[in-house]
Structures are given as C-alpha cells and as structure tokens.
C-alpha cells in the first residue's frame, strides 16, 4: 500500500479535517453518532460481551467507545494515522491501539476475532488492495465471525459529495458490487442497510419522515427509468454485514 499521496494526507488527516469542521469532538455530537450507529448495527452484534472485536480504521476511537459503553471489553483498534491513534488513546485509555498499515497488521496478527468492523475504510483501497484486505480479514475471523462495513453508496444521487469529497478515496461500491467482492473473498450471508435518519429526537424524526418520502420518490424514479428499484438503498453511505 505504498502510495506517496497517502503519506502526505494521512500524516495530518485528523487535524486537517478538524480545521475544516468535518470532525467535531463535541461530546453531544459524538454521543449522538454512537447512539445512531449502534441503533443501525445492533442486530448484527455478538451477544457475547467477551467477543473479540477489531476496529479497522478506528480514527479517533468513537466507534470503540461505543462498543465499550455497550459492555464489550475485548477491543482492539488500528489506524494508519499516528495523529488519530494519539487522540483515540486520550478518549479510550483502556483499549488496545496500534498505529499500522492494515494489510501489514492483518498478515501478522495471530489472534482471531469474532467481529471486525471497517467503517469508511474500503473506499480508500484500490481494487487489488480491497480483495487482498477482505481475504485477510476473512482469515483473521473465527468461524462464523462477522465483518461490518460502512462505505459511500455509489447508487445514491448524492454519492459524489461523499465519494469525491476525500482525495484519498480510491474506489466505490453499490450493494451489488460489494456483494460480489465479499463473496469472492470467502464471505456468506451478506446483508445491507441504509444509513438513514432515525427516530432519536424531534429533529431527526422530522428528517426521517421527509427522507421516507424522498426514498419513495427515488424508488419510483429508478423504476420508471430502468424497470427496477435496484437495491432500494439510496443513502449517501450504506452498511453491509458478512459472515465467514
């Protein structure tokens, strides 16, 4: 994964995003994100609170904090950005973190995990890297272990704002193309979810009601143009779960 631009961008990835306002460490915002994220993925999570969980591309550790608050204790986070790992350790003093390239880590890790998450990671990999990484993830999971992915949705009308909003993005997926890659990487029982607004607060409830109307319109648009509603997932990012 030796690409010069990555060294340039990842060195100050966190601070540059913070300066642009795209990363806000206000606890209210972080807590809201944790609650929404867990609401979306809770049906996919292990019942066993001692499950071994690896968070790839952990960033400043908000997802790991969410796992910790939910009672999961056997947690590990990795990220290529030293700056983000430093911040993650400040927010999560009792979690193991490693600053490393993910392929290097997966090739050398002898511990097996029950759950591996890769939020906003796979789009940073080119096609060869994606296949290599997913197969290594499969090898690093216990039997019946799970992988949960979040990534930009190439089927969304607003995809470009997310997909091309980060110079370090390499490739993008629809639910259909991601399913193909996951199957060829040894996974099964693949499911998808939109990352849509939830009934959390009055404001988010209004957003959800409006979104449902927009979502219906998009289904009709797709059906009129192509004769199919496609994946029926039109949010800017989407979630996928796959089982080893």
C-alpha atoms as a PDB file:
ATOM      1  CA  UNK A   1       0.000   0.000   0.000  1.00  0.00           C
ATOM      2  CA  UNK A   2       2.885   2.336  -0.740  1.00  0.00           C
ATOM      3  CA  UNK A   3       1.357   5.356  -2.420  1.00  0.00           C
ATOM      4  CA  UNK A   4       3.087   8.676  -1.841  1.00  0.00           C
ATOM      5  CA  UNK A   5      -0.075  10.750  -1.581  1.00  0.00           C
ATOM      6  CA  UNK A   6      -1.190   8.667   1.404  1.00  0.00           C
ATOM      7  CA  UNK A   7       1.864   9.685   3.376  1.00  0.00           C
ATOM      8  CA  UNK A   8       1.140  13.328   2.585  1.00  0.00           C
ATOM      9  CA  UNK A   9      -2.558  13.210   3.500  1.00  0.00           C
ATOM     10  CA  UNK A  10      -2.647  10.748   6.397  1.00  0.00           C
ATOM     11  CA  UNK A  11       0.096  12.468   8.381  1.00  0.00           C
ATOM     12  CA  UNK A  12      -2.275  15.292   9.396  1.00  0.00           C
ATOM     13  CA  UNK A  13      -5.564  13.623   8.441  1.00  0.00           C
ATOM     14  CA  UNK A  14      -7.300  14.298  11.744  1.00  0.00           C
ATOM     15  CA  UNK A  15      -6.173  17.881  12.376  1.00  0.00           C
ATOM     16  CA  UNK A  16      -6.908  18.983   8.807  1.00  0.00           C
ATOM     17  CA  UNK A  17     -10.431  17.574   8.974  1.00  0.00           C
ATOM     18  CA  UNK A  18     -10.909  19.212  12.373  1.00  0.00           C
ATOM     19  CA  UNK A  19      -9.809  22.577  10.990  1.00  0.00           C
ATOM     20  CA  UNK A  20     -12.312  22.231   8.137  1.00  0.00           C
ATOM     21  CA  UNK A  21     -15.089  21.479  10.609  1.00  0.00           C
ATOM     22  CA  UNK A  22     -15.733  17.961   9.246  1.00  0.00           C
ATOM     23  CA  UNK A  23     -14.659  16.416  12.563  1.00  0.00           C
ATOM     24  CA  UNK A  24     -16.371  17.744  15.677  1.00  0.00           C
ATOM     25  CA  UNK A  25     -15.308  16.287  19.021  1.00  0.00           C
ATOM     26  CA  UNK A  26     -18.161  17.924  20.900  1.00  0.00           C
ATOM     27  CA  UNK A  27     -19.391  15.146  23.222  1.00  0.00           C
ATOM     28  CA  UNK A  28     -23.020  15.767  22.304  1.00  0.00           C
ATOM     29  CA  UNK A  29     -22.262  15.158  18.616  1.00  0.00           C
ATOM     30  CA  UNK A  30     -20.068  12.142  19.384  1.00  0.00           C
ATOM     31  CA  UNK A  31     -22.720  10.635  21.645  1.00  0.00           C
ATOM     32  CA  UNK A  32     -25.427  11.171  19.031  1.00  0.00           C
ATOM     33  CA  UNK A  33     -23.272   9.429  16.411  1.00  0.00           C
ATOM     34  CA  UNK A  34     -22.608   6.493  18.737  1.00  0.00           C
ATOM     35  CA  UNK A  35     -26.298   6.066  19.504  1.00  0.00           C
ATOM     36  CA  UNK A  36     -27.339   6.253  15.839  1.00  0.00           C
ATOM     37  CA  UNK A  37     -24.603   3.873  14.719  1.00  0.00           C
ATOM     38  CA  UNK A  38     -25.465   1.287  17.355  1.00  0.00           C
ATOM     39  CA  UNK A  39     -29.153   1.562  16.506  1.00  0.00           C
ATOM     40  CA  UNK A  40     -28.303   0.622  12.926  1.00  0.00           C
ATOM     41  CA  UNK A  41     -25.947  -2.283  13.635  1.00  0.00           C
ATOM     42  CA  UNK A  42     -27.209  -3.682  16.963  1.00  0.00           C
ATOM     43  CA  UNK A  43     -28.951  -6.649  15.298  1.00  0.00           C
ATOM     44  CA  UNK A  44     -25.601  -7.713  13.832  1.00  0.00           C
ATOM     45  CA  UNK A  45     -23.530  -7.539  17.024  1.00  0.00           C
ATOM     46  CA  UNK A  46     -22.406 -10.581  19.063  1.00  0.00           C
ATOM     47  CA  UNK A  47     -24.448 -11.410  22.144  1.00  0.00           C
ATOM     48  CA  UNK A  48     -21.261 -12.363  23.990  1.00  0.00           C
ATOM     49  CA  UNK A  49     -19.774  -9.234  25.591  1.00  0.00           C
ATOM     50  CA  UNK A  50     -16.399 -11.019  25.682  1.00  0.00           C
ATOM     51  CA  UNK A  51     -16.329 -11.297  21.892  1.00  0.00           C
ATOM     52  CA  UNK A  52     -13.015 -10.260  20.372  1.00  0.00           C
ATOM     53  CA  UNK A  53     -13.621  -7.126  18.289  1.00  0.00           C
ATOM     54  CA  UNK A  54     -11.200  -5.393  15.904  1.00  0.00           C
ATOM     55  CA  UNK A  55     -12.000  -1.914  14.570  1.00  0.00           C
ATOM     56  CA  UNK A  56     -10.044  -1.235  11.376  1.00  0.00           C
ATOM     57  CA  UNK A  57      -9.539   2.437  10.576  1.00  0.00           C
ATOM     58  CA  UNK A  58     -10.547   3.312  14.130  1.00  0.00           C
ATOM     59  CA  UNK A  59      -9.778   7.015  13.671  1.00  0.00           C
ATOM     60  CA  UNK A  60     -10.078   8.879  16.967  1.00  0.00           C
ATOM     61  CA  UNK A  61     -11.885   5.932  18.566  1.00  0.00           C
ATOM     62  CA  UNK A  62     -15.551   6.921  18.724  1.00  0.00           C
ATOM     63  CA  UNK A  63     -16.828   3.551  17.496  1.00  0.00           C
ATOM     64  CA  UNK A  64     -14.616   1.759  20.011  1.00  0.00           C
ATOM     65  CA  UNK A  65     -16.003   3.973  22.758  1.00  0.00           C
ATOM     66  CA  UNK A  66     -19.492   2.970  21.633  1.00  0.00           C
ATOM     67  CA  UNK A  67     -18.573  -0.717  21.913  1.00  0.00           C
ATOM     68  CA  UNK A  68     -17.036  -0.104  25.326  1.00  0.00           C
ATOM     69  CA  UNK A  69     -20.121   1.707  26.588  1.00  0.00           C
ATOM     70  CA  UNK A  70     -22.268  -1.177  25.330  1.00  0.00           C
ATOM     71  CA  UNK A  71     -20.302  -3.575  27.544  1.00  0.00           C
ATOM     72  CA  UNK A  72     -17.816  -5.052  25.080  1.00  0.00           C
ATOM     73  CA  UNK A  73     -14.367  -5.207  26.676  1.00  0.00           C
ATOM     74  CA  UNK A  74     -12.115  -7.241  24.347  1.00  0.00           C
ATOM     75  CA  UNK A  75     -11.434  -4.399  21.930  1.00  0.00           C
ATOM     76  CA  UNK A  76      -8.606  -3.513  19.542  1.00  0.00           C
ATOM     77  CA  UNK A  77      -8.284  -0.535  17.204  1.00  0.00           C
ATOM     78  CA  UNK A  78      -5.870   0.082  14.337  1.00  0.00           C
ATOM     79  CA  UNK A  79      -5.291   3.107  12.139  1.00  0.00           C
ATOM     80  CA  UNK A  80      -2.529   4.264   9.810  1.00  0.00           C
ATOM     81  CA  UNK A  81      -2.661   7.814  11.210  1.00  0.00           C
ATOM     82  CA  UNK A  82      -0.439   8.308  14.255  1.00  0.00           C
ATOM     83  CA  UNK A  83      -2.238  11.573  14.955  1.00  0.00           C
ATOM     84  CA  UNK A  84      -5.588   9.778  15.181  1.00  0.00           C
ATOM     85  CA  UNK A  85      -4.211   6.979  17.357  1.00  0.00           C
ATOM     86  CA  UNK A  86      -2.889   9.564  19.843  1.00  0.00           C
ATOM     87  CA  UNK A  87      -6.359  11.118  20.052  1.00  0.00           C
ATOM     88  CA  UNK A  88      -8.015   7.682  20.307  1.00  0.00           C
ATOM     89  CA  UNK A  89      -5.845   6.780  23.297  1.00  0.00           C
ATOM     90  CA  UNK A  90      -6.882  10.016  25.006  1.00  0.00           C
ATOM     91  CA  UNK A  91     -10.565   9.142  24.570  1.00  0.00           C
ATOM     92  CA  UNK A  92     -10.190   5.416  25.352  1.00  0.00           C
ATOM     93  CA  UNK A  93      -7.408   4.753  27.851  1.00  0.00           C
ATOM     94  CA  UNK A  94      -8.340   1.093  28.451  1.00  0.00           C
ATOM     95  CA  UNK A  95      -8.397  -0.090  24.812  1.00  0.00           C
ATOM     96  CA  UNK A  96      -5.504  -1.531  22.775  1.00  0.00           C
ATOM     97  CA  UNK A  97      -4.497   0.613  19.794  1.00  0.00           C
ATOM     98  CA  UNK A  98      -1.923   0.063  17.062  1.00  0.00           C
ATOM     99  CA  UNK A  99      -0.673   2.589  14.525  1.00  0.00           C
ATOM    100  CA  UNK A 100      -0.061   0.438  11.473  1.00  0.00           C
ATOM    101  CA  UNK A 101      -0.918  -0.256   7.872  1.00  0.00           C
ATOM    102  CA  UNK A 102      -3.944  -2.562   7.924  1.00  0.00           C
ATOM    103  CA  UNK A 103      -2.579  -5.160   5.469  1.00  0.00           C
ATOM    104  CA  UNK A 104       0.650  -5.427   7.459  1.00  0.00           C
ATOM    105  CA  UNK A 105      -1.339  -5.853  10.667  1.00  0.00           C
ATOM    106  CA  UNK A 106      -3.680  -8.495   9.240  1.00  0.00           C
ATOM    107  CA  UNK A 107      -0.801 -10.501   7.762  1.00  0.00           C
ATOM    108  CA  UNK A 108       0.993 -10.638  11.112  1.00  0.00           C
ATOM    109  CA  UNK A 109      -1.889 -10.873  13.590  1.00  0.00           C
ATOM    110  CA  UNK A 110      -2.179 -14.377  15.056  1.00  0.00           C
ATOM    111  CA  UNK A 111      -5.245 -13.649  17.225  1.00  0.00           C
ATOM    112  CA  UNK A 112      -8.623 -14.455  15.702  1.00  0.00           C
ATOM    113  CA  UNK A 113     -11.577 -12.083  16.081  1.00  0.00           C
ATOM    114  CA  UNK A 114     -15.334 -12.618  16.351  1.00  0.00           C
ATOM    115  CA  UNK A 115     -16.183  -9.254  14.802  1.00  0.00           C
ATOM    116  CA  UNK A 116     -14.184  -6.921  12.577  1.00  0.00           C
ATOM    117  CA  UNK A 117     -15.531  -3.532  11.551  1.00  0.00           C
ATOM    118  CA  UNK A 118     -14.285  -1.353   8.706  1.00  0.00           C
ATOM    119  CA  UNK A 119     -16.160   1.942   8.717  1.00  0.00           C
ATOM    120  CA  UNK A 120     -15.149   4.323   5.920  1.00  0.00           C
ATOM    121  CA  UNK A 121     -12.141   2.171   5.011  1.00  0.00           C
ATOM    122  CA  UNK A 122     -12.689   0.100   1.872  1.00  0.00           C
ATOM    123  CA  UNK A 123     -13.175   3.173  -0.329  1.00  0.00           C
ATOM    124  CA  UNK A 124      -9.571   4.157   0.496  1.00  0.00           C
ATOM    125  CA  UNK A 125      -8.300   0.956  -1.162  1.00  0.00           C
ATOM    126  CA  UNK A 126      -7.832   0.254  -4.846  1.00  0.00           C
ATOM    127  CA  UNK A 127      -9.314  -2.934  -6.314  1.00  0.00           C
ATOM    128  CA  UNK A 128      -6.293  -5.161  -5.672  1.00  0.00           C
ATOM    129  CA  UNK A 129      -5.918  -3.846  -2.124  1.00  0.00           C
ATOM    130  CA  UNK A 130      -9.624  -4.355  -1.440  1.00  0.00           C
ATOM    131  CA  UNK A 131      -9.551  -8.030  -2.459  1.00  0.00           C
ATOM    132  CA  UNK A 132      -6.324  -8.621  -0.502  1.00  0.00           C
ATOM    133  CA  UNK A 133      -7.705  -6.875   2.590  1.00  0.00           C
ATOM    134  CA  UNK A 134     -11.071  -8.646   2.565  1.00  0.00           C
ATOM    135  CA  UNK A 135      -9.434 -12.059   2.189  1.00  0.00           C
ATOM    136  CA  UNK A 136      -7.045 -11.264   5.045  1.00  0.00           C
ATOM    137  CA  UNK A 137      -9.993 -10.138   7.168  1.00  0.00           C
ATOM    138  CA  UNK A 138     -11.707 -13.436   6.403  1.00  0.00           C
ATOM    139  CA  UNK A 139      -8.570 -15.301   7.501  1.00  0.00           C
ATOM    140  CA  UNK A 140      -8.429 -13.231  10.713  1.00  0.00           C
ATOM    141  CA  UNK A 141     -12.008 -14.047  11.747  1.00  0.00           C
ATOM    142  CA  UNK A 142     -13.118 -17.017  13.808  1.00  0.00           C
ATOM    143  CA  UNK A 143     -15.538 -19.413  12.148  1.00  0.00           C
ATOM    144  CA  UNK A 144     -18.924 -17.670  11.864  1.00  0.00           C
ATOM    145  CA  UNK A 145     -17.189 -14.388  12.689  1.00  0.00           C
ATOM    146  CA  UNK A 146     -18.629 -11.224  11.158  1.00  0.00           C
ATOM    147  CA  UNK A 147     -17.430  -8.250   9.163  1.00  0.00           C
ATOM    148  CA  UNK A 148     -19.384  -4.979   9.244  1.00  0.00           C
ATOM    149  CA  UNK A 149     -18.579  -2.345   6.633  1.00  0.00           C
ATOM    150  CA  UNK A 150     -19.711   1.226   6.085  1.00  0.00           C
ATOM    151  CA  UNK A 151     -18.832   2.864   2.781  1.00  0.00           C
ATOM    152  CA  UNK A 152     -20.090   5.528   0.317  1.00  0.00           C
ATOM    153  CA  UNK A 153     -23.040   4.373  -1.756  1.00  0.00           C
ATOM    154  CA  UNK A 154     -22.411   4.679  -5.492  1.00  0.00           C
ATOM    155  CA  UNK A 155     -26.157   4.225  -6.063  1.00  0.00           C
ATOM    156  CA  UNK A 156     -27.063   7.396  -4.164  1.00  0.00           C
ATOM    157  CA  UNK A 157     -27.940  10.539  -6.156  1.00  0.00           C
ATOM    158  CA  UNK A 158     -25.715  12.445  -3.690  1.00  0.00           C
ATOM    159  CA  UNK A 159     -22.893   9.914  -3.896  1.00  0.00           C
ATOM    160  CA  UNK A 160     -20.377  12.347  -5.420  1.00  0.00           C
ATOM    161  CA  UNK A 161     -20.429  14.684  -2.410  1.00  0.00           C
ATOM    162  CA  UNK A 162     -19.139  11.828  -0.234  1.00  0.00           C
ATOM    163  CA  UNK A 163     -17.253   9.745  -2.764  1.00  0.00           C
ATOM    164  CA  UNK A 164     -15.236  12.602  -4.193  1.00  0.00           C
ATOM    165  CA  UNK A 165     -15.162  14.653  -1.007  1.00  0.00           C
ATOM    166  CA  UNK A 166     -11.927  12.976   0.101  1.00  0.00           C
ATOM    167  CA  UNK A 167      -8.842  12.912  -2.136  1.00  0.00           C
ATOM    168  CA  UNK A 168      -7.696   9.628  -0.575  1.00  0.00           C
ATOM    169  CA  UNK A 169     -10.725   7.681  -1.838  1.00  0.00           C
ATOM    170  CA  UNK A 170      -9.848   5.099  -4.498  1.00  0.00           C
ATOM    171  CA  UNK A 171     -12.970   3.126  -5.437  1.00  0.00           C
ATOM    172  CA  UNK A 172     -16.699   2.996  -4.713  1.00  0.00           C
ATOM    173  CA  UNK A 173     -19.412   0.369  -4.435  1.00  0.00           C
ATOM    174  CA  UNK A 174     -23.082  -0.314  -4.834  1.00  0.00           C
ATOM    175  CA  UNK A 175     -24.662  -3.055  -2.719  1.00  0.00           C
ATOM    176  CA  UNK A 176     -24.441  -5.347  -5.751  1.00  0.00           C
ATOM    177  CA  UNK A 177     -20.741  -4.793  -6.475  1.00  0.00           C
ATOM    178  CA  UNK A 178     -19.791  -5.006  -2.786  1.00  0.00           C
ATOM    179  CA  UNK A 179     -21.682  -8.293  -2.508  1.00  0.00           C
ATOM    180  CA  UNK A 180     -19.679  -9.683  -5.449  1.00  0.00           C
ATOM    181  CA  UNK A 181     -16.377  -8.692  -3.826  1.00  0.00           C
ATOM    182  CA  UNK A 182     -17.385 -10.124  -0.439  1.00  0.00           C
ATOM    183  CA  UNK A 183     -18.491 -13.438  -1.949  1.00  0.00           C
ATOM    184  CA  UNK A 184     -15.217 -13.753  -3.849  1.00  0.00           C
ATOM    185  CA  UNK A 185     -13.369 -13.038  -0.601  1.00  0.00           C
ATOM    186  CA  UNK A 186     -14.934 -16.036   1.164  1.00  0.00           C
ATOM    187  CA  UNK A 187     -17.911 -14.428   2.912  1.00  0.00           C
ATOM    188  CA  UNK A 188     -21.561 -15.512   3.008  1.00  0.00           C
ATOM    189  CA  UNK A 189     -24.933 -14.410   4.448  1.00  0.00           C
ATOM    190  CA  UNK A 190     -24.417 -10.851   3.239  1.00  0.00           C
ATOM    191  CA  UNK A 191     -26.922  -8.184   4.302  1.00  0.00           C
ATOM    192  CA  UNK A 192     -27.211  -4.456   3.638  1.00  0.00           C
ATOM    193  CA  UNK A 193     -28.767  -1.491   5.412  1.00  0.00           C
ATOM    194  CA  UNK A 194     -29.167   2.182   4.515  1.00  0.00           C
ATOM    195  CA  UNK A 195     -27.676   4.773   6.849  1.00  0.00           C
ATOM    196  CA  UNK A 196     -30.910   6.720   7.089  1.00  0.00           C
ATOM    197  CA  UNK A 197     -32.229   9.136   9.750  1.00  0.00           C
ATOM    198  CA  UNK A 198     -33.651   7.520  12.893  1.00  0.00           C
ATOM    199  CA  UNK A 199     -36.328   8.399  15.436  1.00  0.00           C
ATOM    200  CA  UNK A 200     -33.886   9.760  18.032  1.00  0.00           C
ATOM    201  CA  UNK A 201     -35.032  13.335  18.600  1.00  0.00           C
ATOM    202  CA  UNK A 202     -37.776  15.607  17.307  1.00  0.00           C
ATOM    203  CA  UNK A 203     -35.407  16.996  14.655  1.00  0.00           C
ATOM    204  CA  UNK A 204     -34.189  13.580  13.489  1.00  0.00           C
ATOM    205  CA  UNK A 205     -37.782  12.277  13.465  1.00  0.00           C
ATOM    206  CA  UNK A 206     -38.784  15.064  11.071  1.00  0.00           C
ATOM    207  CA  UNK A 207     -35.750  14.225   8.929  1.00  0.00           C
ATOM    208  CA  UNK A 208     -36.770  10.568   8.862  1.00  0.00           C
ATOM    209  CA  UNK A 209     -40.328  11.353   7.775  1.00  0.00           C
ATOM    210  CA  UNK A 210     -39.067  13.617   4.987  1.00  0.00           C
ATOM    211  CA  UNK A 211     -36.456  11.042   3.983  1.00  0.00           C
ATOM    212  CA  UNK A 212     -39.085   8.293   3.659  1.00  0.00           C
ATOM    213  CA  UNK A 213     -40.943  10.462   1.148  1.00  0.00           C
ATOM    214  CA  UNK A 214     -37.747  11.159  -0.786  1.00  0.00           C
ATOM    215  CA  UNK A 215     -36.828   7.463  -0.685  1.00  0.00           C
ATOM    216  CA  UNK A 216     -40.202   6.544  -2.198  1.00  0.00           C
ATOM    217  CA  UNK A 217     -39.653   9.100  -4.961  1.00  0.00           C
ATOM    218  CA  UNK A 218     -36.219   7.620  -5.723  1.00  0.00           C
ATOM    219  CA  UNK A 219     -37.696   4.131  -5.978  1.00  0.00           C
ATOM    220  CA  UNK A 220     -40.311   5.396  -8.422  1.00  0.00           C
ATOM    221  CA  UNK A 221     -37.638   7.288 -10.403  1.00  0.00           C
ATOM    222  CA  UNK A 222     -35.462   4.192 -10.644  1.00  0.00           C
ATOM    223  CA  UNK A 223     -38.420   2.002 -11.566  1.00  0.00           C
ATOM    224  CA  UNK A 224     -39.570   4.408 -14.277  1.00  0.00           C
ATOM    225  CA  UNK A 225     -36.114   4.688 -15.833  1.00  0.00           C
ATOM    226  CA  UNK A 226     -34.850   1.109 -15.535  1.00  0.00           C
ATOM    227  CA  UNK A 227     -37.839  -1.087 -14.686  1.00  0.00           C
ATOM    228  CA  UNK A 228     -36.244  -1.921 -11.324  1.00  0.00           C
ATOM    229  CA  UNK A 229     -35.874  -0.286  -7.922  1.00  0.00           C
ATOM    230  CA  UNK A 230     -32.299  -1.574  -7.697  1.00  0.00           C
ATOM    231  CA  UNK A 231     -31.009  -2.208  -4.195  1.00  0.00           C
ATOM    232  CA  UNK A 232     -33.595   0.205  -2.699  1.00  0.00           C
ATOM    233  CA  UNK A 233     -30.685   1.738  -0.773  1.00  0.00           C
ATOM    234  CA  UNK A 234     -30.141   5.374  -1.754  1.00  0.00           C
ATOM    235  CA  UNK A 235     -28.476   6.946   1.300  1.00  0.00           C
ATOM    236  CA  UNK A 236     -25.063   8.567   0.795  1.00  0.00           C
ATOM    237  CA  UNK A 237     -23.376   5.794   2.748  1.00  0.00           C
ATOM    238  CA  UNK A 238     -24.598   2.279   3.475  1.00  0.00           C
ATOM    239  CA  UNK A 239     -23.809  -0.630   5.775  1.00  0.00           C
ATOM    240  CA  UNK A 240     -23.002  -4.248   4.986  1.00  0.00           C
ATOM    241  CA  UNK A 241     -22.679  -7.335   7.174  1.00  0.00           C
ATOM    242  CA  UNK A 242     -20.966 -10.549   6.017  1.00  0.00           C
ATOM    243  CA  UNK A 243     -20.272 -13.821   7.808  1.00  0.00           C
ATOM    244  CA  UNK A 244     -17.214 -16.069   7.464  1.00  0.00           C
END
